[in-house]
Amino acid sequence: MIMPMKMLEENLNKHVALLLKDNRVLEGVLSGYDEYMNMVLDDVQESDEEVTRKLGTVIIRGSNVVRIVPR
């Protein structure tokens, strides 16, 4: 099993998909993170059941993330 911080380190500046607690999915390039697993993503697209939106750069609070999937 891979540790979350190691996975973030290995995927820095790569495409990832995040599943959030509210069931939204954010996909973008992981450009930064901190020790609390707060993340900065660039070129983000947000998807829910019905709509996909382009958001640009976003900061995600680590406690809102359920799953991180490398793309």
C-alpha atoms as a PDB file:
ATOM      1  CA  MET A   1       0.000   0.000   0.000  1.00  0.00           C
ATOM      2  CA  ILE A   2       1.368   3.428  -0.941  1.00  0.00           C
ATOM      3  CA  MET A   3       1.363   6.215   1.643  1.00  0.00           C
ATOM      4  CA  PRO A   4      -0.645   9.341   0.665  1.00  0.00           C
ATOM      5  CA  MET A   5       2.233  11.834   1.005  1.00  0.00           C
ATOM      6  CA  LYS A   6       4.522   9.636  -1.094  1.00  0.00           C
ATOM      7  CA  MET A   7       1.810   9.365  -3.749  1.00  0.00           C
ATOM      8  CA  LEU A   8       1.480  13.163  -3.827  1.00  0.00           C
ATOM      9  CA  GLU A   9       5.248  13.545  -4.130  1.00  0.00           C
ATOM     10  CA  GLU A  10       5.412  11.030  -7.010  1.00  0.00           C
ATOM     11  CA  ASN A  11       2.560  12.753  -8.865  1.00  0.00           C
ATOM     12  CA  LEU A  12       3.688  16.362  -8.497  1.00  0.00           C
ATOM     13  CA  ASN A  13       3.243  18.159 -11.847  1.00  0.00           C
ATOM     14  CA  LYS A  14       1.240  15.209 -13.213  1.00  0.00           C
ATOM     15  CA  HIS A  15      -2.449  14.697 -13.938  1.00  0.00           C
ATOM     16  CA  VAL A  16      -4.590  13.454 -11.031  1.00  0.00           C
ATOM     17  CA  ALA A  17      -8.293  12.996 -10.325  1.00  0.00           C
ATOM     18  CA  LEU A  18      -9.701  13.779  -6.879  1.00  0.00           C
ATOM     19  CA  LEU A  19     -12.975  12.415  -5.543  1.00  0.00           C
ATOM     20  CA  LEU A  20     -14.385  14.884  -3.020  1.00  0.00           C
ATOM     21  CA  LYS A  21     -16.717  14.207  -0.086  1.00  0.00           C
ATOM     22  CA  ASP A  22     -19.648  15.757  -1.996  1.00  0.00           C
ATOM     23  CA  ASN A  23     -19.119  13.266  -4.881  1.00  0.00           C
ATOM     24  CA  ARG A  24     -17.649  15.835  -7.265  1.00  0.00           C
ATOM     25  CA  VAL A  25     -14.588  14.814  -9.243  1.00  0.00           C
ATOM     26  CA  LEU A  26     -11.793  17.307  -9.935  1.00  0.00           C
ATOM     27  CA  GLU A  27      -9.196  16.490 -12.576  1.00  0.00           C
ATOM     28  CA  GLY A  28      -6.097  18.572 -13.113  1.00  0.00           C
ATOM     29  CA  VAL A  29      -2.345  18.899 -12.730  1.00  0.00           C
ATOM     30  CA  LEU A  30      -1.089  18.648  -9.144  1.00  0.00           C
ATOM     31  CA  SER A  31       1.155  21.701  -8.813  1.00  0.00           C
ATOM     32  CA  GLY A  32       1.600  21.761  -5.029  1.00  0.00           C
ATOM     33  CA  TYR A  33       0.618  20.365  -1.637  1.00  0.00           C
ATOM     34  CA  ASP A  34       1.433  20.785   2.040  1.00  0.00           C
ATOM     35  CA  GLU A  35       1.807  18.602   5.126  1.00  0.00           C
ATOM     36  CA  TYR A  36      -1.985  18.698   5.689  1.00  0.00           C
ATOM     37  CA  MET A  37      -2.571  17.313   2.179  1.00  0.00           C
ATOM     38  CA  ASN A  38      -4.080  20.598   1.006  1.00  0.00           C
ATOM     39  CA  MET A  39      -3.480  20.643  -2.747  1.00  0.00           C
ATOM     40  CA  VAL A  40      -3.126  23.121  -5.585  1.00  0.00           C
ATOM     41  CA  LEU A  41      -4.342  21.896  -8.982  1.00  0.00           C
ATOM     42  CA  ASP A  42      -3.947  23.683 -12.322  1.00  0.00           C
ATOM     43  CA  ASP A  43      -6.105  23.326 -15.467  1.00  0.00           C
ATOM     44  CA  VAL A  44      -8.918  21.827 -13.379  1.00  0.00           C
ATOM     45  CA  GLN A  45     -12.128  20.361 -14.715  1.00  0.00           C
ATOM     46  CA  GLU A  46     -14.945  19.637 -12.262  1.00  0.00           C
ATOM     47  CA  SER A  47     -17.482  16.895 -12.951  1.00  0.00           C
ATOM     48  CA  ASP A  48     -20.615  15.825 -11.175  1.00  0.00           C
ATOM     49  CA  GLU A  49     -23.452  13.610 -12.418  1.00  0.00           C
ATOM     50  CA  GLU A  50     -24.670  16.121 -14.995  1.00  0.00           C
ATOM     51  CA  VAL A  51     -22.139  18.846 -15.797  1.00  0.00           C
ATOM     52  CA  THR A  52     -18.438  19.367 -16.499  1.00  0.00           C
ATOM     53  CA  ARG A  53     -16.919  22.812 -15.817  1.00  0.00           C
ATOM     54  CA  LYS A  54     -13.461  24.284 -16.359  1.00  0.00           C
ATOM     55  CA  LEU A  55     -12.216  25.950 -13.179  1.00  0.00           C
ATOM     56  CA  GLY A  56      -8.593  26.864 -13.877  1.00  0.00           C
ATOM     57  CA  THR A  57      -6.403  26.810 -10.730  1.00  0.00           C
ATOM     58  CA  VAL A  58      -7.958  25.657  -7.449  1.00  0.00           C
ATOM     59  CA  ILE A  59      -6.840  25.021  -3.872  1.00  0.00           C
ATOM     60  CA  ILE A  60      -8.405  21.955  -2.260  1.00  0.00           C
ATOM     61  CA  ARG A  61      -8.548  21.366   1.482  1.00  0.00           C
ATOM     62  CA  GLY A  62      -7.087  17.928   2.160  1.00  0.00           C
ATOM     63  CA  SER A  63      -9.895  16.939   4.531  1.00  0.00           C
ATOM     64  CA  ASN A  64     -12.396  17.164   1.640  1.00  0.00           C
ATOM     65  CA  VAL A  65     -10.593  14.567  -0.470  1.00  0.00           C
ATOM     66  CA  VAL A  66     -11.827  10.962  -0.386  1.00  0.00           C
ATOM     67  CA  ARG A  67      -9.606   9.479  -3.103  1.00  0.00           C
ATOM     68  CA  ILE A  68      -6.656  10.523  -5.301  1.00  0.00           C
ATOM     69  CA  VAL A  69      -6.148   8.702  -8.602  1.00  0.00           C
ATOM     70  CA  PRO A  70      -3.106   9.291 -10.847  1.00  0.00           C
ATOM     71  CA  ARG A  71      -4.051   9.714 -14.525  1.00  0.00           C
END
